Amino acid sequence: MGECPHCKHEWTYKEKLLGYALKPRTRIRCPKCREYIEPSTLSIIYDYIAIFLVALFIFILIPIMQWPMWPSLLISFILFLLYVFLFQPLTIRFKHYEYNIKKK
């Protein structure tokens, strides 16, 4: 799943969590070959879908259910943690993009 396109280094869960999921960056360095890599387009689409569903649940479904405040906050916090610690590190795929930059 999280494999470097340059050196084929298979990222561990800890590397994906600490190196990608908890850092707000668009590109990161591979811990083995030190090349810059970016998440694939499909990984970004999965991220947007997951964020949308979590936000939908937190901001629309929980208020509609009219639960007391503490269970609602607890469920919201658990959903956020599941997204950060399970969904994002386990669904990431990396890709090396070649950008066409014209040199003057």
C-alpha atoms as a PDB file:
ATOM      1  CA  MET A   1       0.000   0.000   0.000  1.00  0.00           C
ATOM      2  CA  GLY A   2       2.472   2.681   1.068  1.00  0.00           C
ATOM      3  CA  GLU A   3       5.378   1.870  -1.240  1.00  0.00           C
ATOM      4  CA  CYS A   4       8.012   4.299  -2.475  1.00  0.00           C
ATOM      5  CA  PRO A   5       7.923   4.458  -6.297  1.00  0.00           C
ATOM      6  CA  HIS A   6      11.718   4.979  -6.411  1.00  0.00           C
ATOM      7  CA  CYS A   7      13.241   2.382  -4.109  1.00  0.00           C
ATOM      8  CA  LYS A   8      10.162   0.167  -3.488  1.00  0.00           C
ATOM      9  CA  HIS A   9      10.518   0.702   0.267  1.00  0.00           C
ATOM     10  CA  GLU A  10       7.357  -0.598   1.972  1.00  0.00           C
ATOM     11  CA  TRP A  11       6.343   1.966   4.570  1.00  0.00           C
ATOM     12  CA  THR A  12       5.434   0.666   8.006  1.00  0.00           C
ATOM     13  CA  TYR A  13       2.323   1.820   9.833  1.00  0.00           C
ATOM     14  CA  LYS A  14       4.454   3.983  12.134  1.00  0.00           C
ATOM     15  CA  GLU A  15       6.227   5.661   9.192  1.00  0.00           C
ATOM     16  CA  LYS A  16       2.904   6.354   7.487  1.00  0.00           C
ATOM     17  CA  LEU A  17       1.364   7.705  10.672  1.00  0.00           C
ATOM     18  CA  LEU A  18       4.267   9.885  11.791  1.00  0.00           C
ATOM     19  CA  GLY A  19       5.628  10.756   8.345  1.00  0.00           C
ATOM     20  CA  TYR A  20       2.394  11.417   6.489  1.00  0.00           C
ATOM     21  CA  ALA A  21      -0.855  11.338   8.460  1.00  0.00           C
ATOM     22  CA  LEU A  22       0.143  13.711  11.261  1.00  0.00           C
ATOM     23  CA  LYS A  23       2.049  16.209   9.102  1.00  0.00           C
ATOM     24  CA  PRO A  24       0.152  18.728   6.968  1.00  0.00           C
ATOM     25  CA  ARG A  25       2.361  18.463   3.883  1.00  0.00           C
ATOM     26  CA  THR A  26       1.615  17.607   0.295  1.00  0.00           C
ATOM     27  CA  ARG A  27       4.948  15.940  -0.413  1.00  0.00           C
ATOM     28  CA  ILE A  28       7.274  14.039   1.866  1.00  0.00           C
ATOM     29  CA  ARG A  29      10.622  12.291   1.705  1.00  0.00           C
ATOM     30  CA  CYS A  30      11.036   8.555   1.637  1.00  0.00           C
ATOM     31  CA  PRO A  31      12.889   7.503   4.815  1.00  0.00           C
ATOM     32  CA  LYS A  32      15.099   5.109   2.846  1.00  0.00           C
ATOM     33  CA  CYS A  33      16.087   6.837  -0.417  1.00  0.00           C
ATOM     34  CA  ARG A  34      15.277  10.447   0.663  1.00  0.00           C
ATOM     35  CA  GLU A  35      13.452  11.214  -2.611  1.00  0.00           C
ATOM     36  CA  TYR A  36      10.370  13.420  -2.562  1.00  0.00           C
ATOM     37  CA  ILE A  37       7.097  11.578  -3.146  1.00  0.00           C
ATOM     38  CA  GLU A  38       3.462  12.659  -3.103  1.00  0.00           C
ATOM     39  CA  PRO A  39       0.213  10.864  -2.344  1.00  0.00           C
ATOM     40  CA  SER A  40      -1.499   9.509  -5.433  1.00  0.00           C
ATOM     41  CA  THR A  41      -4.609  11.160  -6.813  1.00  0.00           C
ATOM     42  CA  LEU A  42      -6.730   8.203  -5.730  1.00  0.00           C
ATOM     43  CA  SER A  43      -5.460   8.554  -2.140  1.00  0.00           C
ATOM     44  CA  ILE A  44      -6.415  12.230  -2.141  1.00  0.00           C
ATOM     45  CA  ILE A  45      -9.896  11.392  -3.454  1.00  0.00           C
ATOM     46  CA  TYR A  46     -10.324   8.779  -0.698  1.00  0.00           C
ATOM     47  CA  ASP A  47      -9.228  11.396   1.829  1.00  0.00           C
ATOM     48  CA  TYR A  48     -11.789  13.923   0.616  1.00  0.00           C
ATOM     49  CA  ILE A  49     -14.573  11.343   0.688  1.00  0.00           C
ATOM     50  CA  ALA A  50     -13.648  10.255   4.212  1.00  0.00           C
ATOM     51  CA  ILE A  51     -13.422  13.838   5.478  1.00  0.00           C
ATOM     52  CA  PHE A  52     -16.795  14.622   3.904  1.00  0.00           C
ATOM     53  CA  LEU A  53     -18.436  11.589   5.532  1.00  0.00           C
ATOM     54  CA  VAL A  54     -16.951  12.311   8.954  1.00  0.00           C
ATOM     55  CA  ALA A  55     -18.007  15.963   8.706  1.00  0.00           C
ATOM     56  CA  LEU A  56     -21.481  14.933   7.545  1.00  0.00           C
ATOM     57  CA  PHE A  57     -21.866  12.660  10.536  1.00  0.00           C
ATOM     58  CA  ILE A  58     -20.463  15.172  13.044  1.00  0.00           C
ATOM     59  CA  PHE A  59     -22.230  18.320  11.829  1.00  0.00           C
ATOM     60  CA  ILE A  60     -25.532  16.952  10.508  1.00  0.00           C
ATOM     61  CA  LEU A  61     -26.414  13.473  11.780  1.00  0.00           C
ATOM     62  CA  ILE A  62     -25.378  13.882  15.421  1.00  0.00           C
ATOM     63  CA  PRO A  63     -27.375  17.128  15.885  1.00  0.00           C
ATOM     64  CA  ILE A  64     -30.422  15.544  14.185  1.00  0.00           C
ATOM     65  CA  MET A  65     -30.309  12.615  16.632  1.00  0.00           C
ATOM     66  CA  GLN A  66     -30.502  15.072  19.562  1.00  0.00           C
ATOM     67  CA  TRP A  67     -28.304  13.024  21.851  1.00  0.00           C
ATOM     68  CA  PRO A  68     -26.867  14.557  25.006  1.00  0.00           C
ATOM     69  CA  MET A  69     -23.692  16.576  24.539  1.00  0.00           C
ATOM     70  CA  TRP A  70     -21.125  14.140  26.030  1.00  0.00           C
ATOM     71  CA  PRO A  71     -22.045  11.063  23.954  1.00  0.00           C
ATOM     72  CA  SER A  72     -22.127  13.262  20.840  1.00  0.00           C
ATOM     73  CA  LEU A  73     -18.688  14.683  21.578  1.00  0.00           C
ATOM     74  CA  LEU A  74     -17.321  11.235  22.365  1.00  0.00           C
ATOM     75  CA  ILE A  75     -18.634   9.773  19.095  1.00  0.00           C
ATOM     76  CA  SER A  76     -17.251  12.755  17.144  1.00  0.00           C
ATOM     77  CA  PHE A  77     -13.841  12.384  18.792  1.00  0.00           C
ATOM     78  CA  ILE A  78     -13.788   8.615  18.122  1.00  0.00           C
ATOM     79  CA  LEU A  79     -14.669   9.176  14.434  1.00  0.00           C
ATOM     80  CA  PHE A  80     -11.889  11.732  14.094  1.00  0.00           C
ATOM     81  CA  LEU A  81      -9.356   9.381  15.729  1.00  0.00           C
ATOM     82  CA  LEU A  82     -10.429   6.502  13.487  1.00  0.00           C
ATOM     83  CA  TYR A  83      -9.886   8.699  10.453  1.00  0.00           C
ATOM     84  CA  VAL A  84      -6.435   9.918  11.537  1.00  0.00           C
ATOM     85  CA  PHE A  85      -5.054   6.672  12.992  1.00  0.00           C
ATOM     86  CA  LEU A  86      -6.685   4.009  10.809  1.00  0.00           C
ATOM     87  CA  PHE A  87      -8.162   5.256   7.570  1.00  0.00           C
ATOM     88  CA  GLN A  88      -5.497   7.703   6.443  1.00  0.00           C
ATOM     89  CA  PRO A  89      -2.367   5.588   7.161  1.00  0.00           C
ATOM     90  CA  LEU A  90      -3.908   2.376   5.818  1.00  0.00           C
ATOM     91  CA  THR A  91      -5.179   3.788   2.508  1.00  0.00           C
ATOM     92  CA  ILE A  92      -2.223   5.934   1.425  1.00  0.00           C
ATOM     93  CA  ARG A  93      -0.456   5.188  -1.847  1.00  0.00           C
ATOM     94  CA  PHE A  94       2.500   7.180  -3.081  1.00  0.00           C
ATOM     95  CA  LYS A  95       3.405   8.278  -6.575  1.00  0.00           C
ATOM     96  CA  HIS A  96       6.239  10.239  -8.133  1.00  0.00           C
ATOM     97  CA  TYR A  97       4.956  12.995 -10.380  1.00  0.00           C
ATOM     98  CA  GLU A  98       6.998  14.543 -13.149  1.00  0.00           C
ATOM     99  CA  TYR A  99       6.156  18.191 -13.611  1.00  0.00           C
ATOM    100  CA  ASN A 100       6.775  19.879 -16.943  1.00  0.00           C
ATOM    101  CA  ILE A 101       8.604  23.012 -15.871  1.00  0.00           C
ATOM    102  CA  LYS A 102      10.036  25.087 -18.670  1.00  0.00           C
ATOM    103  CA  LYS A 103      13.537  26.325 -18.036  1.00  0.00           C
ATOM    104  CA  LYS A 104      14.436  29.756 -19.350  1.00  0.00           C
END
